[in-house]
PDB file of N, CA and C in Angstrom:
ATOM      1  N   UNK A   1      19.004 -15.251 -41.515  1.00  0.00           N
ATOM      2  CA  UNK A   1      20.516 -14.261 -40.778  1.00  0.00           C
ATOM      3  C   UNK A   1      21.538 -15.126 -41.052  1.00  0.00           C
ATOM      4  N   UNK A   2      21.571 -16.746 -41.461  1.00  0.00           N
ATOM      5  CA  UNK A   2      22.761 -17.461 -41.710  1.00  0.00           C
ATOM      6  C   UNK A   2      23.592 -16.972 -42.793  1.00  0.00           C
ATOM      7  N   UNK A   3      22.919 -17.032 -43.656  1.00  0.00           N
ATOM      8  CA  UNK A   3      23.789 -16.269 -45.067  1.00  0.00           C
ATOM      9  C   UNK A   3      24.413 -15.241 -44.907  1.00  0.00           C
ATOM     10  N   UNK A   4      23.579 -14.043 -44.475  1.00  0.00           N
ATOM     11  CA  UNK A   4      24.175 -12.722 -44.273  1.00  0.00           C
ATOM     12  C   UNK A   4      25.433 -13.167 -43.006  1.00  0.00           C
ATOM     13  N   UNK A   5      25.204 -13.909 -41.835  1.00  0.00           N
ATOM     14  CA  UNK A   5      26.302 -14.023 -41.091  1.00  0.00           C
ATOM     15  C   UNK A   5      27.519 -14.599 -41.573  1.00  0.00           C
ATOM     16  N   UNK A   6      27.606 -15.670 -42.605  1.00  0.00           N
ATOM     17  CA  UNK A   6      28.550 -16.513 -43.115  1.00  0.00           C
ATOM     18  C   UNK A   6      29.003 -15.266 -43.912  1.00  0.00           C
ATOM     19  N   UNK A   7      28.480 -14.309 -44.737  1.00  0.00           N
ATOM     20  CA  UNK A   7      29.001 -13.457 -45.739  1.00  0.00           C
ATOM     21  C   UNK A   7      29.961 -12.736 -44.672  1.00  0.00           C
ATOM     22  N   UNK A   8      29.452 -12.107 -43.209  1.00  0.00           N
ATOM     23  CA  UNK A   8      30.152 -11.368 -42.680  1.00  0.00           C
ATOM     24  C   UNK A   8      31.423 -12.163 -42.220  1.00  0.00           C
ATOM     25  N   UNK A   9      31.142 -13.166 -41.438  1.00  0.00           N
ATOM     26  CA  UNK A   9      32.199 -14.262 -41.350  1.00  0.00           C
ATOM     27  C   UNK A   9      33.323 -14.086 -41.646  1.00  0.00           C
ATOM     28  N   UNK A  10      32.982 -14.383 -43.407  1.00  0.00           N
ATOM     29  CA  UNK A  10      34.123 -14.499 -44.413  1.00  0.00           C
ATOM     30  C   UNK A  10      35.049 -13.124 -44.520  1.00  0.00           C
ATOM     31  N   UNK A  11      34.365 -12.037 -44.354  1.00  0.00           N
ATOM     32  CA  UNK A  11      34.739 -10.868 -44.319  1.00  0.00           C
ATOM     33  C   UNK A  11      35.671 -10.521 -43.342  1.00  0.00           C
ATOM     34  N   UNK A  12      34.954 -10.976 -41.957  1.00  0.00           N
ATOM     35  CA  UNK A  12      35.959 -10.459 -40.805  1.00  0.00           C
ATOM     36  C   UNK A  12      37.239 -11.736 -40.433  1.00  0.00           C
ATOM     37  N   UNK A  13      37.032 -12.657 -41.388  1.00  0.00           N
ATOM     38  CA  UNK A  13      38.643 -13.783 -41.049  1.00  0.00           C
ATOM     39  C   UNK A  13      39.589 -13.084 -41.004  1.00  0.00           C
ATOM     40  N   UNK A  14      40.179 -13.425 -39.838  1.00  0.00           N
ATOM     41  CA  UNK A  14      41.551 -12.935 -39.338  1.00  0.00           C
ATOM     42  C   UNK A  14      41.334 -11.507 -38.564  1.00  0.00           C
ATOM     43  N   UNK A  15      40.224 -10.837 -38.626  1.00  0.00           N
ATOM     44  CA  UNK A  15      39.996  -9.717 -37.862  1.00  0.00           C
ATOM     45  C   UNK A  15      39.180  -9.689 -36.899  1.00  0.00           C
ATOM     46  N   UNK A  16      38.489 -10.639 -36.789  1.00  0.00           N
ATOM     47  CA  UNK A  16      37.551 -10.893 -35.242  1.00  0.00           C
ATOM     48  C   UNK A  16      37.253 -12.143 -35.519  1.00  0.00           C
ATOM     49  N   UNK A  17      37.542 -12.501 -34.008  1.00  0.00           N
ATOM     50  CA  UNK A  17      36.841 -14.077 -33.637  1.00  0.00           C
ATOM     51  C   UNK A  17      35.626 -14.180 -33.788  1.00  0.00           C
ATOM     52  N   UNK A  18      35.282 -15.567 -34.924  1.00  0.00           N
ATOM     53  CA  UNK A  18      33.750 -15.568 -35.080  1.00  0.00           C
ATOM     54  C   UNK A  18      33.391 -17.054 -34.489  1.00  0.00           C
ATOM     55  N   UNK A  19      32.312 -17.368 -34.133  1.00  0.00           N
ATOM     56  CA  UNK A  19      31.916 -18.805 -34.062  1.00  0.00           C
ATOM     57  C   UNK A  19      30.890 -19.024 -34.269  1.00  0.00           C
ATOM     58  N   UNK A  20      30.188 -20.230 -34.927  1.00  0.00           N
ATOM     59  CA  UNK A  20      28.595 -20.697 -34.641  1.00  0.00           C
ATOM     60  C   UNK A  20      28.430 -21.657 -33.351  1.00  0.00           C
ATOM     61  N   UNK A  21      27.587 -21.910 -32.481  1.00  0.00           N
ATOM     62  CA  UNK A  21      27.164 -22.612 -31.740  1.00  0.00           C
ATOM     63  C   UNK A  21      26.069 -23.192 -32.182  1.00  0.00           C
ATOM     64  N   UNK A  22      25.966 -24.714 -31.808  1.00  0.00           N
ATOM     65  CA  UNK A  22      24.787 -25.527 -32.058  1.00  0.00           C
ATOM     66  C   UNK A  22      23.677 -25.516 -30.888  1.00  0.00           C
ATOM     67  N   UNK A  23      22.810 -24.857 -30.761  1.00  0.00           N
ATOM     68  CA  UNK A  23      22.268 -24.568 -29.830  1.00  0.00           C
ATOM     69  C   UNK A  23      21.297 -25.637 -28.959  1.00  0.00           C
ATOM     70  N   UNK A  24      20.983 -26.564 -30.273  1.00  0.00           N
ATOM     71  CA  UNK A  24      20.601 -27.691 -29.407  1.00  0.00           C
ATOM     72  C   UNK A  24      21.466 -28.434 -28.757  1.00  0.00           C
ATOM     73  N   UNK A  25      22.617 -28.599 -29.441  1.00  0.00           N
ATOM     74  CA  UNK A  25      23.645 -29.580 -28.643  1.00  0.00           C
ATOM     75  C   UNK A  25      24.242 -28.805 -27.232  1.00  0.00           C
ATOM     76  N   UNK A  26      24.618 -27.311 -27.463  1.00  0.00           N
ATOM     77  CA  UNK A  26      25.134 -26.704 -26.178  1.00  0.00           C
ATOM     78  C   UNK A  26      24.106 -25.649 -25.604  1.00  0.00           C
ATOM     79  N   UNK A  27      23.120 -26.582 -25.299  1.00  0.00           N
ATOM     80  CA  UNK A  27      22.088 -25.909 -24.631  1.00  0.00           C
ATOM     81  C   UNK A  27      22.495 -24.606 -23.340  1.00  0.00           C
ATOM     82  N   UNK A  28      23.276 -25.367 -22.744  1.00  0.00           N
ATOM     83  CA  UNK A  28      23.846 -24.802 -21.406  1.00  0.00           C
ATOM     84  C   UNK A  28      24.388 -23.363 -21.873  1.00  0.00           C
ATOM     85  N   UNK A  29      25.205 -23.376 -22.607  1.00  0.00           N
ATOM     86  CA  UNK A  29      26.090 -22.239 -23.568  1.00  0.00           C
ATOM     87  C   UNK A  29      24.849 -21.647 -24.009  1.00  0.00           C
ATOM     88  N   UNK A  30      23.917 -21.924 -24.733  1.00  0.00           N
ATOM     89  CA  UNK A  30      22.785 -20.721 -25.317  1.00  0.00           C
ATOM     90  C   UNK A  30      22.087 -20.210 -24.046  1.00  0.00           C
ATOM     91  N   UNK A  31      21.856 -21.159 -23.264  1.00  0.00           N
ATOM     92  CA  UNK A  31      21.095 -20.413 -21.818  1.00  0.00           C
ATOM     93  C   UNK A  31      22.143 -19.312 -21.145  1.00  0.00           C
ATOM     94  N   UNK A  32      23.376 -19.824 -20.926  1.00  0.00           N
ATOM     95  CA  UNK A  32      24.134 -18.447 -20.126  1.00  0.00           C
ATOM     96  C   UNK A  32      24.063 -17.490 -20.754  1.00  0.00           C
ATOM     97  N   UNK A  33      24.171 -17.455 -22.038  1.00  0.00           N
ATOM     98  CA  UNK A  33      24.191 -16.171 -22.830  1.00  0.00           C
ATOM     99  C   UNK A  33      23.019 -15.797 -23.440  1.00  0.00           C
ATOM    100  N   UNK A  34      21.702 -16.271 -22.859  1.00  0.00           N
ATOM    101  CA  UNK A  34      20.419 -15.692 -23.018  1.00  0.00           C
ATOM    102  C   UNK A  34      19.948 -15.907 -24.421  1.00  0.00           C
ATOM    103  N   UNK A  35      20.560 -16.788 -25.191  1.00  0.00           N
ATOM    104  CA  UNK A  35      20.127 -17.092 -26.734  1.00  0.00           C
ATOM    105  C   UNK A  35      18.902 -17.819 -26.664  1.00  0.00           C
ATOM    106  N   UNK A  36      17.629 -17.076 -26.671  1.00  0.00           N
ATOM    107  CA  UNK A  36      16.380 -17.937 -26.486  1.00  0.00           C
ATOM    108  C   UNK A  36      15.676 -17.914 -27.697  1.00  0.00           C
ATOM    109  N   UNK A  37      15.994 -16.974 -28.693  1.00  0.00           N
ATOM    110  CA  UNK A  37      15.208 -17.229 -30.296  1.00  0.00           C
ATOM    111  C   UNK A  37      16.358 -17.338 -30.946  1.00  0.00           C
ATOM    112  N   UNK A  38      15.970 -18.496 -32.287  1.00  0.00           N
ATOM    113  CA  UNK A  38      17.500 -18.195 -33.299  1.00  0.00           C
ATOM    114  C   UNK A  38      16.763 -17.654 -34.569  1.00  0.00           C
ATOM    115  N   UNK A  39      17.906 -17.660 -35.453  1.00  0.00           N
ATOM    116  CA  UNK A  39      19.071 -17.318 -34.584  1.00  0.00           C
ATOM    117  C   UNK A  39      19.210 -16.269 -34.235  1.00  0.00           C
ATOM    118  N   UNK A  40      20.276 -15.737 -33.153  1.00  0.00           N
ATOM    119  CA  UNK A  40      20.674 -14.913 -32.305  1.00  0.00           C
ATOM    120  C   UNK A  40      22.292 -14.640 -32.654  1.00  0.00           C
ATOM    121  N   UNK A  41      22.315 -13.379 -32.891  1.00  0.00           N
ATOM    122  CA  UNK A  41      23.755 -12.828 -32.885  1.00  0.00           C
ATOM    123  C   UNK A  41      24.226 -11.857 -31.647  1.00  0.00           C
ATOM    124  N   UNK A  42      25.324 -12.522 -31.307  1.00  0.00           N
ATOM    125  CA  UNK A  42      25.699 -11.546 -29.931  1.00  0.00           C
ATOM    126  C   UNK A  42      27.500 -11.331 -30.215  1.00  0.00           C
ATOM    127  N   UNK A  43      28.106 -10.380 -29.584  1.00  0.00           N
ATOM    128  CA  UNK A  43      29.058  -9.843 -29.559  1.00  0.00           C
ATOM    129  C   UNK A  43      29.554  -9.990 -27.620  1.00  0.00           C
ATOM    130  N   UNK A  44      30.794 -10.306 -27.918  1.00  0.00           N
ATOM    131  CA  UNK A  44      31.342 -10.335 -26.432  1.00  0.00           C
ATOM    132  C   UNK A  44      32.729  -9.531 -26.534  1.00  0.00           C
ATOM    133  N   UNK A  45      32.664  -8.447 -25.825  1.00  0.00           N
ATOM    134  CA  UNK A  45      33.883  -7.348 -25.797  1.00  0.00           C
ATOM    135  C   UNK A  45      34.849  -8.109 -24.627  1.00  0.00           C
ATOM    136  N   UNK A  46      35.891  -7.518 -24.316  1.00  0.00           N
ATOM    137  CA  UNK A  46      37.179  -8.095 -23.613  1.00  0.00           C
ATOM    138  C   UNK A  46      36.760  -8.792 -22.105  1.00  0.00           C
ATOM    139  N   UNK A  47      35.796  -8.203 -21.462  1.00  0.00           N
ATOM    140  CA  UNK A  47      35.411  -8.690 -20.329  1.00  0.00           C
ATOM    141  C   UNK A  47      34.441  -9.697 -20.506  1.00  0.00           C
ATOM    142  N   UNK A  48      33.666 -10.095 -21.565  1.00  0.00           N
ATOM    143  CA  UNK A  48      32.835 -11.107 -22.018  1.00  0.00           C
ATOM    144  C   UNK A  48      31.686 -11.205 -20.833  1.00  0.00           C
ATOM    145  N   UNK A  49      31.612 -10.029 -19.872  1.00  0.00           N
ATOM    146  CA  UNK A  49      30.764 -10.336 -18.919  1.00  0.00           C
ATOM    147  C   UNK A  49      29.175 -10.300 -19.426  1.00  0.00           C
ATOM    148  N   UNK A  50      29.037  -9.002 -20.488  1.00  0.00           N
ATOM    149  CA  UNK A  50      27.587  -8.546 -20.697  1.00  0.00           C
ATOM    150  C   UNK A  50      27.658  -8.670 -22.399  1.00  0.00           C
ATOM    151  N   UNK A  51      27.383  -9.839 -22.877  1.00  0.00           N
ATOM    152  CA  UNK A  51      27.292  -9.944 -24.335  1.00  0.00           C
ATOM    153  C   UNK A  51      26.223  -8.927 -25.012  1.00  0.00           C
ATOM    154  N   UNK A  52      26.330  -8.186 -26.287  1.00  0.00           N
ATOM    155  CA  UNK A  52      25.600  -7.550 -26.709  1.00  0.00           C
ATOM    156  C   UNK A  52      24.767  -8.202 -27.718  1.00  0.00           C
ATOM    157  N   UNK A  53      23.691  -7.940 -28.351  1.00  0.00           N
ATOM    158  CA  UNK A  53      22.700  -8.277 -29.222  1.00  0.00           C
ATOM    159  C   UNK A  53      23.322  -7.233 -30.164  1.00  0.00           C
ATOM    160  N   UNK A  54      23.321  -8.239 -31.718  1.00  0.00           N
ATOM    161  CA  UNK A  54      24.137  -7.053 -32.629  1.00  0.00           C
ATOM    162  C   UNK A  54      22.515  -6.169 -33.338  1.00  0.00           C
ATOM    163  N   UNK A  55      22.556  -5.227 -33.771  1.00  0.00           N
ATOM    164  CA  UNK A  55      21.508  -4.238 -34.066  1.00  0.00           C
ATOM    165  C   UNK A  55      21.227  -4.609 -35.410  1.00  0.00           C
ATOM    166  N   UNK A  56      22.201  -5.036 -36.301  1.00  0.00           N
ATOM    167  CA  UNK A  56      21.375  -5.214 -37.758  1.00  0.00           C
ATOM    168  C   UNK A  56      21.367  -6.970 -37.961  1.00  0.00           C
ATOM    169  N   UNK A  57      21.086  -7.283 -39.186  1.00  0.00           N
ATOM    170  CA  UNK A  57      21.212  -8.624 -39.697  1.00  0.00           C
ATOM    171  C   UNK A  57      21.375  -8.608 -40.826  1.00  0.00           C
ATOM    172  N   UNK A  58      22.078  -7.647 -41.534  1.00  0.00           N
ATOM    173  CA  UNK A  58      22.636  -7.525 -42.583  1.00  0.00           C
ATOM    174  C   UNK A  58      24.246  -7.386 -42.851  1.00  0.00           C
ATOM    175  N   UNK A  59      24.969  -8.310 -43.600  1.00  0.00           N
ATOM    176  CA  UNK A  59      26.319  -8.649 -43.666  1.00  0.00           C
ATOM    177  C   UNK A  59      27.404  -7.499 -43.395  1.00  0.00           C
ATOM    178  N   UNK A  60      27.001  -6.352 -44.240  1.00  0.00           N
ATOM    179  CA  UNK A  60      27.912  -5.173 -44.322  1.00  0.00           C
ATOM    180  C   UNK A  60      27.749  -4.582 -42.863  1.00  0.00           C
ATOM    181  N   UNK A  61      26.382  -4.607 -42.217  1.00  0.00           N
ATOM    182  CA  UNK A  61      26.302  -4.053 -40.870  1.00  0.00           C
ATOM    183  C   UNK A  61      27.058  -4.704 -39.657  1.00  0.00           C
ATOM    184  N   UNK A  62      26.971  -5.944 -40.025  1.00  0.00           N
ATOM    185  CA  UNK A  62      27.532  -7.108 -39.050  1.00  0.00           C
ATOM    186  C   UNK A  62      28.843  -6.729 -39.012  1.00  0.00           C
ATOM    187  N   UNK A  63      29.690  -6.425 -40.148  1.00  0.00           N
ATOM    188  CA  UNK A  63      30.951  -6.329 -40.293  1.00  0.00           C
ATOM    189  C   UNK A  63      31.373  -5.349 -39.438  1.00  0.00           C
ATOM    190  N   UNK A  64      30.675  -4.104 -39.959  1.00  0.00           N
ATOM    191  CA  UNK A  64      31.095  -2.844 -39.458  1.00  0.00           C
ATOM    192  C   UNK A  64      30.958  -2.625 -38.123  1.00  0.00           C
ATOM    193  N   UNK A  65      29.891  -3.333 -37.251  1.00  0.00           N
ATOM    194  CA  UNK A  65      29.544  -3.192 -36.032  1.00  0.00           C
ATOM    195  C   UNK A  65      30.812  -4.105 -35.227  1.00  0.00           C
ATOM    196  N   UNK A  66      30.937  -5.195 -35.509  1.00  0.00           N
ATOM    197  CA  UNK A  66      32.119  -6.007 -35.132  1.00  0.00           C
ATOM    198  C   UNK A  66      33.504  -5.419 -35.179  1.00  0.00           C
ATOM    199  N   UNK A  67      33.829  -4.758 -36.354  1.00  0.00           N
ATOM    200  CA  UNK A  67      35.159  -4.161 -36.382  1.00  0.00           C
ATOM    201  C   UNK A  67      35.125  -2.702 -35.689  1.00  0.00           C
ATOM    202  N   UNK A  68      33.935  -2.115 -35.228  1.00  0.00           N
ATOM    203  CA  UNK A  68      33.929  -0.844 -34.584  1.00  0.00           C
ATOM    204  C   UNK A  68      34.595  -1.446 -32.822  1.00  0.00           C
ATOM    205  N   UNK A  69      34.396  -2.757 -32.595  1.00  0.00           N
ATOM    206  CA  UNK A  69      34.588  -3.054 -31.323  1.00  0.00           C
ATOM    207  C   UNK A  69      35.723  -3.809 -31.048  1.00  0.00           C
ATOM    208  N   UNK A  70      36.574  -4.231 -32.163  1.00  0.00           N
ATOM    209  CA  UNK A  70      37.761  -4.836 -32.250  1.00  0.00           C
ATOM    210  C   UNK A  70      38.874  -3.676 -32.146  1.00  0.00           C
ATOM    211  N   UNK A  71      40.224  -3.950 -31.248  1.00  0.00           N
ATOM    212  CA  UNK A  71      41.173  -3.292 -31.409  1.00  0.00           C
ATOM    213  C   UNK A  71      42.330  -3.983 -32.199  1.00  0.00           C
ATOM    214  N   UNK A  72      42.332  -5.332 -32.188  1.00  0.00           N
ATOM    215  CA  UNK A  72      43.309  -5.807 -33.175  1.00  0.00           C
ATOM    216  C   UNK A  72      43.041  -7.148 -33.802  1.00  0.00           C
ATOM    217  N   UNK A  73      43.382  -7.516 -35.188  1.00  0.00           N
ATOM    218  CA  UNK A  73      42.920  -8.648 -35.918  1.00  0.00           C
ATOM    219  C   UNK A  73      43.086  -9.865 -35.041  1.00  0.00           C
ATOM    220  N   UNK A  74      42.480 -10.718 -35.068  1.00  0.00           N
ATOM    221  CA  UNK A  74      42.463 -12.058 -34.508  1.00  0.00           C
ATOM    222  C   UNK A  74      41.832 -13.320 -35.722  1.00  0.00           C
ATOM    223  N   UNK A  75      42.264 -14.642 -35.573  1.00  0.00           N
ATOM    224  CA  UNK A  75      41.656 -15.690 -36.393  1.00  0.00           C
ATOM    225  C   UNK A  75      40.175 -15.940 -36.111  1.00  0.00           C
ATOM    226  N   UNK A  76      39.850 -16.275 -37.088  1.00  0.00           N
ATOM    227  CA  UNK A  76      38.177 -16.626 -37.166  1.00  0.00           C
ATOM    228  C   UNK A  76      38.278 -18.359 -37.028  1.00  0.00           C
ATOM    229  N   UNK A  77      37.335 -18.991 -36.062  1.00  0.00           N
ATOM    230  CA  UNK A  77      36.894 -20.263 -35.800  1.00  0.00           C
ATOM    231  C   UNK A  77      35.634 -20.452 -35.737  1.00  0.00           C
ATOM    232  N   UNK A  78      35.355 -21.864 -36.147  1.00  0.00           N
ATOM    233  CA  UNK A  78      34.013 -22.563 -35.634  1.00  0.00           C
ATOM    234  C   UNK A  78      34.203 -23.361 -34.424  1.00  0.00           C
ATOM    235  N   UNK A  79      32.954 -23.157 -33.700  1.00  0.00           N
ATOM    236  CA  UNK A  79      33.226 -23.468 -32.246  1.00  0.00           C
ATOM    237  C   UNK A  79      32.216 -24.383 -32.107  1.00  0.00           C
ATOM    238  N   UNK A  80      32.845 -25.930 -32.311  1.00  0.00           N
ATOM    239  CA  UNK A  80      31.932 -26.862 -32.186  1.00  0.00           C
ATOM    240  C   UNK A  80      31.736 -27.553 -31.120  1.00  0.00           C
ATOM    241  N   UNK A  81      32.542 -27.060 -30.021  1.00  0.00           N
ATOM    242  CA  UNK A  81      32.535 -27.782 -28.608  1.00  0.00           C
ATOM    243  C   UNK A  81      32.895 -26.713 -27.547  1.00  0.00           C
ATOM    244  N   UNK A  82      32.932 -27.247 -26.196  1.00  0.00           N
ATOM    245  CA  UNK A  82      33.558 -26.375 -25.151  1.00  0.00           C
ATOM    246  C   UNK A  82      34.895 -26.121 -25.251  1.00  0.00           C
ATOM    247  N   UNK A  83      35.429 -27.240 -25.658  1.00  0.00           N
ATOM    248  CA  UNK A  83      36.870 -26.791 -25.848  1.00  0.00           C
ATOM    249  C   UNK A  83      37.357 -26.056 -26.950  1.00  0.00           C
ATOM    250  N   UNK A  84      36.515 -25.832 -27.953  1.00  0.00           N
ATOM    251  CA  UNK A  84      36.815 -24.402 -29.036  1.00  0.00           C
ATOM    252  C   UNK A  84      36.580 -23.221 -28.312  1.00  0.00           C
ATOM    253  N   UNK A  85      35.461 -23.229 -27.592  1.00  0.00           N
ATOM    254  CA  UNK A  85      35.076 -22.188 -27.074  1.00  0.00           C
ATOM    255  C   UNK A  85      36.263 -21.585 -25.977  1.00  0.00           C
ATOM    256  N   UNK A  86      36.449 -22.792 -25.104  1.00  0.00           N
ATOM    257  CA  UNK A  86      37.505 -22.186 -24.263  1.00  0.00           C
ATOM    258  C   UNK A  86      39.099 -21.746 -24.978  1.00  0.00           C
ATOM    259  N   UNK A  87      39.212 -22.356 -25.935  1.00  0.00           N
ATOM    260  CA  UNK A  87      40.554 -21.924 -26.810  1.00  0.00           C
ATOM    261  C   UNK A  87      40.316 -20.815 -27.632  1.00  0.00           C
ATOM    262  N   UNK A  88      39.148 -20.710 -28.115  1.00  0.00           N
ATOM    263  CA  UNK A  88      39.265 -19.323 -29.080  1.00  0.00           C
ATOM    264  C   UNK A  88      38.408 -18.018 -28.454  1.00  0.00           C
ATOM    265  N   UNK A  89      37.550 -18.330 -27.290  1.00  0.00           N
ATOM    266  CA  UNK A  89      37.073 -17.148 -26.976  1.00  0.00           C
ATOM    267  C   UNK A  89      37.262 -17.415 -25.280  1.00  0.00           C
ATOM    268  N   UNK A  90      38.189 -17.788 -25.448  1.00  0.00           N
ATOM    269  CA  UNK A  90      38.443 -18.326 -23.462  1.00  0.00           C
ATOM    270  C   UNK A  90      38.707 -16.984 -22.737  1.00  0.00           C
ATOM    271  N   UNK A  91      39.419 -17.155 -21.522  1.00  0.00           N
ATOM    272  CA  UNK A  91      40.212 -16.232 -20.614  1.00  0.00           C
ATOM    273  C   UNK A  91      41.354 -15.345 -21.251  1.00  0.00           C
ATOM    274  N   UNK A  92      41.612 -15.702 -22.296  1.00  0.00           N
ATOM    275  CA  UNK A  92      43.013 -15.026 -22.987  1.00  0.00           C
ATOM    276  C   UNK A  92      42.359 -13.962 -23.656  1.00  0.00           C
ATOM    277  N   UNK A  93      40.986 -13.501 -23.873  1.00  0.00           N
ATOM    278  CA  UNK A  93      40.376 -12.911 -25.117  1.00  0.00           C
ATOM    279  C   UNK A  93      41.289 -11.679 -25.546  1.00  0.00           C
ATOM    280  N   UNK A  94      41.804 -11.875 -26.924  1.00  0.00           N
ATOM    281  CA  UNK A  94      42.859 -10.608 -27.234  1.00  0.00           C
ATOM    282  C   UNK A  94      41.650  -9.831 -28.035  1.00  0.00           C
ATOM    283  N   UNK A  95      40.738 -10.046 -28.860  1.00  0.00           N
ATOM    284  CA  UNK A  95      40.011  -9.106 -29.418  1.00  0.00           C
ATOM    285  C   UNK A  95      38.680  -9.148 -28.756  1.00  0.00           C
ATOM    286  N   UNK A  96      37.722  -9.557 -29.548  1.00  0.00           N
ATOM    287  CA  UNK A  96      36.315  -9.730 -29.390  1.00  0.00           C
ATOM    288  C   UNK A  96      35.945 -11.136 -29.862  1.00  0.00           C
ATOM    289  N   UNK A  97      34.878 -11.411 -29.323  1.00  0.00           N
ATOM    290  CA  UNK A  97      34.332 -13.003 -29.560  1.00  0.00           C
ATOM    291  C   UNK A  97      33.033 -12.732 -30.217  1.00  0.00           C
ATOM    292  N   UNK A  98      32.389 -13.039 -31.545  1.00  0.00           N
ATOM    293  CA  UNK A  98      31.040 -13.094 -31.817  1.00  0.00           C
ATOM    294  C   UNK A  98      30.534 -14.297 -32.122  1.00  0.00           C
ATOM    295  N   UNK A  99      29.393 -14.820 -31.703  1.00  0.00           N
ATOM    296  CA  UNK A  99      29.041 -15.937 -31.694  1.00  0.00           C
ATOM    297  C   UNK A  99      27.722 -16.241 -32.219  1.00  0.00           C
ATOM    298  N   UNK A 100      27.209 -16.779 -33.339  1.00  0.00           N
ATOM    299  CA  UNK A 100      25.941 -16.931 -33.887  1.00  0.00           C
ATOM    300  C   UNK A 100      25.198 -18.018 -33.356  1.00  0.00           C
ATOM    301  N   UNK A 101      24.236 -18.125 -32.868  1.00  0.00           N
ATOM    302  CA  UNK A 101      23.429 -19.372 -32.225  1.00  0.00           C
ATOM    303  C   UNK A 101      22.316 -19.857 -33.145  1.00  0.00           C
ATOM    304  N   UNK A 102      22.541 -21.037 -33.715  1.00  0.00           N
ATOM    305  CA  UNK A 102      21.762 -21.678 -34.850  1.00  0.00           C
ATOM    306  C   UNK A 102      20.863 -22.905 -34.053  1.00  0.00           C
ATOM    307  N   UNK A 103      19.937 -23.485 -34.441  1.00  0.00           N
ATOM    308  CA  UNK A 103      19.141 -24.471 -34.201  1.00  0.00           C
ATOM    309  C   UNK A 103      20.045 -25.655 -34.631  1.00  0.00           C
ATOM    310  N   UNK A 104      21.071 -25.649 -35.537  1.00  0.00           N
ATOM    311  CA  UNK A 104      21.912 -26.866 -35.622  1.00  0.00           C
ATOM    312  C   UNK A 104      22.508 -26.280 -37.009  1.00  0.00           C
ATOM    313  N   UNK A 105      23.880 -26.913 -36.953  1.00  0.00           N
ATOM    314  CA  UNK A 105      24.896 -26.607 -37.941  1.00  0.00           C
ATOM    315  C   UNK A 105      24.660 -27.355 -39.051  1.00  0.00           C
ATOM    316  N   UNK A 106      25.143 -27.053 -40.507  1.00  0.00           N
ATOM    317  CA  UNK A 106      25.188 -27.817 -41.285  1.00  0.00           C
ATOM    318  C   UNK A 106      26.620 -28.791 -41.193  1.00  0.00           C
ATOM    319  N   UNK A 107      26.342 -29.970 -41.897  1.00  0.00           N
ATOM    320  CA  UNK A 107      27.839 -30.692 -42.231  1.00  0.00           C
ATOM    321  C   UNK A 107      29.048 -30.184 -42.799  1.00  0.00           C
ATOM    322  N   UNK A 108      30.164 -30.399 -42.506  1.00  0.00           N
ATOM    323  CA  UNK A 108      31.399 -29.655 -42.723  1.00  0.00           C
ATOM    324  C   UNK A 108      31.299 -29.481 -44.113  1.00  0.00           C
ATOM    325  N   UNK A 109      30.540 -30.142 -45.321  1.00  0.00           N
ATOM    326  CA  UNK A 109      30.438 -30.232 -46.488  1.00  0.00           C
ATOM    327  C   UNK A 109      29.447 -29.455 -46.940  1.00  0.00           C
ATOM    328  N   UNK A 110      28.611 -28.882 -46.237  1.00  0.00           N
ATOM    329  CA  UNK A 110      27.561 -27.664 -46.494  1.00  0.00           C
ATOM    330  C   UNK A 110      28.126 -26.647 -46.316  1.00  0.00           C
ATOM    331  N   UNK A 111      29.135 -26.067 -45.453  1.00  0.00           N
ATOM    332  CA  UNK A 111      29.334 -24.788 -45.127  1.00  0.00           C
ATOM    333  C   UNK A 111      29.519 -23.691 -46.363  1.00  0.00           C
TER     334      UNK A 111
END
């Protein structure tokens, strides 16, 4: 899923908030959003109260599903810590936040 998610994230840049979460570091966050297996791809709509799992694992389908849920374009960010999460997917959510939970993130030079 990671290569497909990366393709979708690139295409969604500036349209949907997209973030990656290292579930080995952010265990509480993964648990809070029921990310039990990896990789897990979830979408968070405006109220963020009930994240939805994506139905597909192919980049074009991920893009289509994400765009169907967003009302206005928003920037794309990598979420490396709780502060990033609060800043980019916090209470003032304008669009939608999509987070990919993975067992670990590659170093910045490997993206």
